[in-house]
Amino acid sequence: VLYLNTGVSRYFMRNFTRDITGFTSP
């Protein structure tokens, strides 16, 4: 299938105010 990327995928996830790599649970 041929798709076109609208460019909005990068805005789906929320922005965080700090580094979350240390988070281990919801």
PDB file of all heavy atoms in Angstrom:
ATOM      1  N   VAL A   1       0.868  -1.185   0.000  1.00  0.00           N
ATOM      2  CA  VAL A   1       0.000   0.000   0.000  1.00  0.00           C
ATOM      3  C   VAL A   1       0.899   1.227   0.000  1.00  0.00           C
ATOM      4  O   VAL A   1       1.934   1.238   0.678  1.00  0.00           O
ATOM      5  CB  VAL A   1      -0.924   0.024   1.244  1.00  0.00           C
ATOM      6  CG1 VAL A   1      -1.884   1.210   1.172  1.00  0.00           C
ATOM      7  CG2 VAL A   1      -1.687  -1.282   1.395  1.00  0.00           C
ATOM      8  N   LEU A   2       0.516   2.243  -0.741  1.00  0.00           N
ATOM      9  CA  LEU A   2       1.281   3.487  -0.795  1.00  0.00           C
ATOM     10  C   LEU A   2       0.617   4.518   0.113  1.00  0.00           C
ATOM     11  O   LEU A   2      -0.571   4.819  -0.030  1.00  0.00           O
ATOM     12  CB  LEU A   2       1.348   4.021  -2.232  1.00  0.00           C
ATOM     13  CG  LEU A   2       2.134   5.323  -2.449  1.00  0.00           C
ATOM     14  CD1 LEU A   2       3.597   5.141  -2.057  1.00  0.00           C
ATOM     15  CD2 LEU A   2       2.016   5.777  -3.901  1.00  0.00           C
ATOM     16  N   TYR A   3       1.394   5.046   1.066  1.00  0.00           N
ATOM     17  CA  TYR A   3       0.871   6.012   2.036  1.00  0.00           C
ATOM     18  C   TYR A   3       1.547   7.370   1.885  1.00  0.00           C
ATOM     19  O   TYR A   3       2.689   7.465   1.405  1.00  0.00           O
ATOM     20  CB  TYR A   3       1.112   5.518   3.467  1.00  0.00           C
ATOM     21  CG  TYR A   3       0.279   4.348   3.885  1.00  0.00           C
ATOM     22  CD1 TYR A   3       0.815   3.068   3.880  1.00  0.00           C
ATOM     23  CD2 TYR A   3      -1.042   4.511   4.275  1.00  0.00           C
ATOM     24  CE1 TYR A   3       0.058   1.977   4.272  1.00  0.00           C
ATOM     25  CE2 TYR A   3      -1.807   3.434   4.673  1.00  0.00           C
ATOM     26  CZ  TYR A   3      -1.252   2.168   4.660  1.00  0.00           C
ATOM     27  OH  TYR A   3      -2.009   1.096   5.042  1.00  0.00           O
ATOM     28  N   LEU A   4       0.840   8.389   2.363  1.00  0.00           N
ATOM     29  CA  LEU A   4       1.394   9.733   2.475  1.00  0.00           C
ATOM     30  C   LEU A   4       1.438  10.096   3.947  1.00  0.00           C
ATOM     31  O   LEU A   4       0.441   9.942   4.664  1.00  0.00           O
ATOM     32  CB  LEU A   4       0.558  10.741   1.693  1.00  0.00           C
ATOM     33  CG  LEU A   4       1.087  12.192   1.681  1.00  0.00           C
ATOM     34  CD1 LEU A   4       0.854  12.829   0.317  1.00  0.00           C
ATOM     35  CD2 LEU A   4       0.396  13.030   2.758  1.00  0.00           C
ATOM     36  N   ASN A   5       2.580  10.575   4.409  1.00  0.00           N
ATOM     37  CA  ASN A   5       2.756  10.983   5.798  1.00  0.00           C
ATOM     38  C   ASN A   5       2.361  12.449   5.953  1.00  0.00           C
ATOM     39  O   ASN A   5       2.997  13.334   5.375  1.00  0.00           O
ATOM     40  CB  ASN A   5       4.220  10.777   6.207  1.00  0.00           C
ATOM     41  CG  ASN A   5       4.525  11.329   7.592  1.00  0.00           C
ATOM     42  OD1 ASN A   5       3.667  11.300   8.475  1.00  0.00           O
ATOM     43  ND2 ASN A   5       5.735  11.829   7.781  1.00  0.00           N
ATOM     44  N   THR A   6       1.322  12.718   6.745  1.00  0.00           N
ATOM     45  CA  THR A   6       0.852  14.103   6.911  1.00  0.00           C
ATOM     46  C   THR A   6       1.769  14.919   7.812  1.00  0.00           C
ATOM     47  O   THR A   6       1.672  16.149   7.842  1.00  0.00           O
ATOM     48  CB  THR A   6      -0.572  14.126   7.504  1.00  0.00           C
ATOM     49  OG1 THR A   6      -0.548  13.545   8.810  1.00  0.00           O
ATOM     50  CG2 THR A   6      -1.549  13.361   6.613  1.00  0.00           C
ATOM     51  N   GLY A   7       2.610  14.252   8.591  1.00  0.00           N
ATOM     52  CA  GLY A   7       3.561  14.964   9.456  1.00  0.00           C
ATOM     53  C   GLY A   7       3.076  15.217  10.861  1.00  0.00           C
ATOM     54  O   GLY A   7       3.808  15.792  11.678  1.00  0.00           O
ATOM     55  N   VAL A   8       1.856  14.788  11.208  1.00  0.00           N
ATOM     56  CA  VAL A   8       1.322  15.098  12.539  1.00  0.00           C
ATOM     57  C   VAL A   8       1.595  13.982  13.548  1.00  0.00           C
ATOM     58  O   VAL A   8       1.258  14.125  14.726  1.00  0.00           O
ATOM     59  CB  VAL A   8      -0.195  15.390  12.487  1.00  0.00           C
ATOM     60  CG1 VAL A   8      -0.479  16.565  11.569  1.00  0.00           C
ATOM     61  CG2 VAL A   8      -0.979  14.160  12.053  1.00  0.00           C
ATOM     62  N   SER A   9       2.213  12.892  13.111  1.00  0.00           N
ATOM     63  CA  SER A   9       2.469  11.771  14.029  1.00  0.00           C
ATOM     64  C   SER A   9       3.325  12.192  15.208  1.00  0.00           C
ATOM     65  O   SER A   9       3.166  11.687  16.323  1.00  0.00           O
ATOM     66  CB  SER A   9       3.141  10.624  13.276  1.00  0.00           C
ATOM     67  OG  SER A   9       4.384  11.029  12.738  1.00  0.00           O
ATOM     68  N   ARG A  10       4.230  13.140  14.987  1.00  0.00           N
ATOM     69  CA  ARG A  10       5.129  13.565  16.065  1.00  0.00           C
ATOM     70  C   ARG A  10       4.398  14.335  17.164  1.00  0.00           C
ATOM     71  O   ARG A  10       4.965  14.595  18.233  1.00  0.00           O
ATOM     72  CB  ARG A  10       6.239  14.435  15.487  1.00  0.00           C
ATOM     73  CG  ARG A  10       5.787  15.761  14.903  1.00  0.00           C
ATOM     74  CD  ARG A  10       6.852  16.407  14.049  1.00  0.00           C
ATOM     75  NE  ARG A  10       7.141  15.609  12.848  1.00  0.00           N
ATOM     76  CZ  ARG A  10       8.023  15.971  11.921  1.00  0.00           C
ATOM     77  NH1 ARG A  10       8.704  17.083  12.062  1.00  0.00           N
ATOM     78  NH2 ARG A  10       8.219  15.201  10.875  1.00  0.00           N
ATOM     79  N   TYR A  11       3.141  14.707  16.928  1.00  0.00           N
ATOM     80  CA  TYR A  11       2.371  15.444  17.938  1.00  0.00           C
ATOM     81  C   TYR A  11       1.370  14.547  18.656  1.00  0.00           C
ATOM     82  O   TYR A  11       0.602  15.023  19.493  1.00  0.00           O
ATOM     83  CB  TYR A  11       1.630  16.611  17.284  1.00  0.00           C
ATOM     84  CG  TYR A  11       2.544  17.534  16.523  1.00  0.00           C
ATOM     85  CD1 TYR A  11       2.540  17.546  15.122  1.00  0.00           C
ATOM     86  CD2 TYR A  11       3.440  18.373  17.179  1.00  0.00           C
ATOM     87  CE1 TYR A  11       3.385  18.380  14.409  1.00  0.00           C
ATOM     88  CE2 TYR A  11       4.299  19.200  16.470  1.00  0.00           C
ATOM     89  CZ  TYR A  11       4.269  19.195  15.087  1.00  0.00           C
ATOM     90  OH  TYR A  11       5.119  20.013  14.382  1.00  0.00           O
ATOM     91  N   PHE A  12       1.363  13.252  18.316  1.00  0.00           N
ATOM     92  CA  PHE A  12       0.394  12.360  18.955  1.00  0.00           C
ATOM     93  C   PHE A  12       0.740  12.153  20.426  1.00  0.00           C
ATOM     94  O   PHE A  12      -0.109  12.279  21.306  1.00  0.00           O
ATOM     95  CB  PHE A  12       0.353  11.008  18.233  1.00  0.00           C
ATOM     96  CG  PHE A  12      -0.752  10.111  18.709  1.00  0.00           C
ATOM     97  CD1 PHE A  12      -1.988  10.126  18.083  1.00  0.00           C
ATOM     98  CD2 PHE A  12      -0.564   9.272  19.803  1.00  0.00           C
ATOM     99  CE1 PHE A  12      -3.014   9.309  18.534  1.00  0.00           C
ATOM    100  CE2 PHE A  12      -1.585   8.455  20.263  1.00  0.00           C
ATOM    101  CZ  PHE A  12      -2.818   8.471  19.619  1.00  0.00           C
ATOM    102  N   MET A  13       1.990  11.808  20.697  1.00  0.00           N
ATOM    103  CA  MET A  13       2.413  11.618  22.083  1.00  0.00           C
ATOM    104  C   MET A  13       2.538  12.970  22.775  1.00  0.00           C
ATOM    105  O   MET A  13       2.887  13.968  22.155  1.00  0.00           O
ATOM    106  CB  MET A  13       3.760  10.896  22.131  1.00  0.00           C
ATOM    107  CG  MET A  13       3.720   9.474  21.582  1.00  0.00           C
ATOM    108  SD  MET A  13       2.714   8.406  22.613  1.00  0.00           S
ATOM    109  CE  MET A  13       3.085   6.799  21.879  1.00  0.00           C
ATOM    110  N   ARG A  14       2.245  13.014  24.052  1.00  0.00           N
ATOM    111  CA  ARG A  14       2.321  14.259  24.796  1.00  0.00           C
ATOM    112  C   ARG A  14       3.771  14.634  25.061  1.00  0.00           C
ATOM    113  O   ARG A  14       4.678  13.779  25.091  1.00  0.00           O
ATOM    114  CB  ARG A  14       1.569  14.162  26.121  1.00  0.00           C
ATOM    115  CG  ARG A  14       2.086  13.087  27.048  1.00  0.00           C
ATOM    116  CD  ARG A  14       1.418  13.135  28.405  1.00  0.00           C
ATOM    117  NE  ARG A  14       1.779  14.333  29.139  1.00  0.00           N
ATOM    118  CZ  ARG A  14       1.585  14.482  30.451  1.00  0.00           C
ATOM    119  NH1 ARG A  14       1.032  13.509  31.154  1.00  0.00           N
ATOM    120  NH2 ARG A  14       1.940  15.577  31.054  1.00  0.00           N
ATOM    121  N   ASN A  15       4.010  15.904  25.263  1.00  0.00           N
ATOM    122  CA  ASN A  15       5.334  16.395  25.627  1.00  0.00           C
ATOM    123  C   ASN A  15       5.487  16.366  27.153  1.00  0.00           C
ATOM    124  O   ASN A  15       4.568  16.732  27.884  1.00  0.00           O
ATOM    125  CB  ASN A  15       5.535  17.821  25.124  1.00  0.00           C
ATOM    126  CG  ASN A  15       5.586  17.887  23.610  1.00  0.00           C
ATOM    127  OD1 ASN A  15       6.210  17.045  22.978  1.00  0.00           O
ATOM    128  ND2 ASN A  15       4.929  18.879  23.028  1.00  0.00           N
ATOM    129  N   PHE A  16       6.639  15.939  27.618  1.00  0.00           N
ATOM    130  CA  PHE A  16       6.896  15.881  29.051  1.00  0.00           C
ATOM    131  C   PHE A  16       7.886  16.963  29.449  1.00  0.00           C
ATOM    132  O   PHE A  16       8.763  17.350  28.670  1.00  0.00           O
ATOM    133  CB  PHE A  16       7.438  14.503  29.438  1.00  0.00           C
ATOM    134  CG  PHE A  16       6.437  13.403  29.264  1.00  0.00           C
ATOM    135  CD1 PHE A  16       6.434  12.627  28.110  1.00  0.00           C
ATOM    136  CD2 PHE A  16       5.487  13.159  30.229  1.00  0.00           C
ATOM    137  CE1 PHE A  16       5.507  11.618  27.943  1.00  0.00           C
ATOM    138  CE2 PHE A  16       4.555  12.157  30.076  1.00  0.00           C
ATOM    139  CZ  PHE A  16       4.556  11.376  28.921  1.00  0.00           C
ATOM    140  N   THR A  17       7.740  17.425  30.690  1.00  0.00           N
ATOM    141  CA  THR A  17       8.570  18.527  31.167  1.00  0.00           C
ATOM    142  C   THR A  17       9.897  18.057  31.743  1.00  0.00           C
ATOM    143  O   THR A  17      10.727  18.871  32.128  1.00  0.00           O
ATOM    144  CB  THR A  17       7.809  19.324  32.245  1.00  0.00           C
ATOM    145  OG1 THR A  17       7.428  18.436  33.308  1.00  0.00           O
ATOM    146  CG2 THR A  17       6.559  19.962  31.649  1.00  0.00           C
ATOM    147  N   ARG A  18      10.081  16.728  31.825  1.00  0.00           N
ATOM    148  CA  ARG A  18      11.334  16.201  32.363  1.00  0.00           C
ATOM    149  C   ARG A  18      11.631  14.842  31.730  1.00  0.00           C
ATOM    150  O   ARG A  18      10.795  14.269  31.025  1.00  0.00           O
ATOM    151  CB  ARG A  18      11.270  16.069  33.876  1.00  0.00           C
ATOM    152  CG  ARG A  18      10.101  15.237  34.377  1.00  0.00           C
ATOM    153  CD  ARG A  18      10.156  15.009  35.857  1.00  0.00           C
ATOM    154  NE  ARG A  18       8.901  14.506  36.365  1.00  0.00           N
ATOM    155  CZ  ARG A  18       8.792  13.796  37.494  1.00  0.00           C
ATOM    156  NH1 ARG A  18       9.875  13.519  38.202  1.00  0.00           N
ATOM    157  NH2 ARG A  18       7.624  13.380  37.916  1.00  0.00           N
ATOM    158  N   ASP A  19      12.802  14.333  32.004  1.00  0.00           N
ATOM    159  CA  ASP A  19      13.241  13.058  31.459  1.00  0.00           C
ATOM    160  C   ASP A  19      12.418  11.917  32.069  1.00  0.00           C
ATOM    161  O   ASP A  19      12.338  11.791  33.291  1.00  0.00           O
ATOM    162  CB  ASP A  19      14.722  12.860  31.764  1.00  0.00           C
ATOM    163  CG  ASP A  19      15.289  11.598  31.132  1.00  0.00           C
ATOM    164  OD1 ASP A  19      14.560  10.940  30.373  1.00  0.00           O
ATOM    165  OD2 ASP A  19      16.467  11.283  31.386  1.00  0.00           O
ATOM    166  N   ILE A  20      11.816  11.089  31.221  1.00  0.00           N
ATOM    167  CA  ILE A  20      10.963  10.009  31.723  1.00  0.00           C
ATOM    168  C   ILE A  20      11.621   8.646  31.558  1.00  0.00           C
ATOM    169  O   ILE A  20      10.973   7.622  31.800  1.00  0.00           O
ATOM    170  CB  ILE A  20       9.592  10.013  31.015  1.00  0.00           C
ATOM    171  CG1 ILE A  20       9.757   9.727  29.517  1.00  0.00           C
ATOM    172  CG2 ILE A  20       8.857  11.322  31.253  1.00  0.00           C
ATOM    173  CD1 ILE A  20       8.430   9.502  28.806  1.00  0.00           C
ATOM    174  N   THR A  21      12.873   8.612  31.148  1.00  0.00           N
ATOM    175  CA  THR A  21      13.519   7.320  30.919  1.00  0.00           C
ATOM    176  C   THR A  21      13.648   6.504  32.196  1.00  0.00           C
ATOM    177  O   THR A  21      13.794   5.279  32.143  1.00  0.00           O
ATOM    178  CB  THR A  21      14.922   7.520  30.302  1.00  0.00           C
ATOM    179  OG1 THR A  21      15.693   8.401  31.130  1.00  0.00           O
ATOM    180  CG2 THR A  21      14.812   8.109  28.900  1.00  0.00           C
ATOM    181  N   GLY A  22      13.586   7.157  33.341  1.00  0.00           N
ATOM    182  CA  GLY A  22      13.668   6.434  34.609  1.00  0.00           C
ATOM    183  C   GLY A  22      12.328   5.943  35.120  1.00  0.00           C
ATOM    184  O   GLY A  22      12.267   5.253  36.147  1.00  0.00           O
ATOM    185  N   PHE A  23      11.242   6.280  34.443  1.00  0.00           N
ATOM    186  CA  PHE A  23       9.925   5.834  34.874  1.00  0.00           C
ATOM    187  C   PHE A  23       9.799   4.330  34.636  1.00  0.00           C
ATOM    188  O   PHE A  23      10.174   3.819  33.584  1.00  0.00           O
ATOM    189  CB  PHE A  23       8.825   6.561  34.106  1.00  0.00           C
ATOM    190  CG  PHE A  23       8.667   8.015  34.496  1.00  0.00           C
ATOM    191  CD1 PHE A  23       9.561   8.630  35.341  1.00  0.00           C
ATOM    192  CD2 PHE A  23       7.610   8.762  33.999  1.00  0.00           C
ATOM    193  CE1 PHE A  23       9.417   9.974  35.695  1.00  0.00           C
ATOM    194  CE2 PHE A  23       7.454  10.093  34.338  1.00  0.00           C
ATOM    195  CZ  PHE A  23       8.355  10.700  35.193  1.00  0.00           C
ATOM    196  N   THR A  24       9.232   3.618  35.599  1.00  0.00           N
ATOM    197  CA  THR A  24       9.119   2.164  35.491  1.00  0.00           C
ATOM    198  C   THR A  24       7.695   1.643  35.606  1.00  0.00           C
ATOM    199  O   THR A  24       7.451   0.456  35.422  1.00  0.00           O
ATOM    200  CB  THR A  24       9.971   1.493  36.577  1.00  0.00           C
ATOM    201  OG1 THR A  24       9.531   1.937  37.874  1.00  0.00           O
ATOM    202  CG2 THR A  24      11.444   1.817  36.390  1.00  0.00           C
ATOM    203  N   SER A  25       6.727   2.520  35.907  1.00  0.00           N
ATOM    204  CA  SER A  25       5.338   2.086  36.049  1.00  0.00           C
ATOM    205  C   SER A  25       4.402   3.219  35.647  1.00  0.00           C
ATOM    206  O   SER A  25       4.803   4.385  35.610  1.00  0.00           O
ATOM    207  CB  SER A  25       5.048   1.678  37.496  1.00  0.00           C
ATOM    208  OG  SER A  25       5.043   2.819  38.347  1.00  0.00           O
ATOM    209  N   PRO A  26       3.138   2.894  35.345  1.00  0.00           N
ATOM    210  CA  PRO A  26       2.177   3.954  34.993  1.00  0.00           C
ATOM    211  C   PRO A  26       2.026   5.002  36.085  1.00  0.00           C
ATOM    212  O   PRO A  26       1.770   6.173  35.802  1.00  0.00           O
ATOM    213  CB  PRO A  26       0.870   3.172  34.788  1.00  0.00           C
ATOM    214  CG  PRO A  26       1.297   1.789  34.427  1.00  0.00           C
ATOM    215  CD  PRO A  26       2.555   1.547  35.210  1.00  0.00           C
TER     216      PRO A  26
END
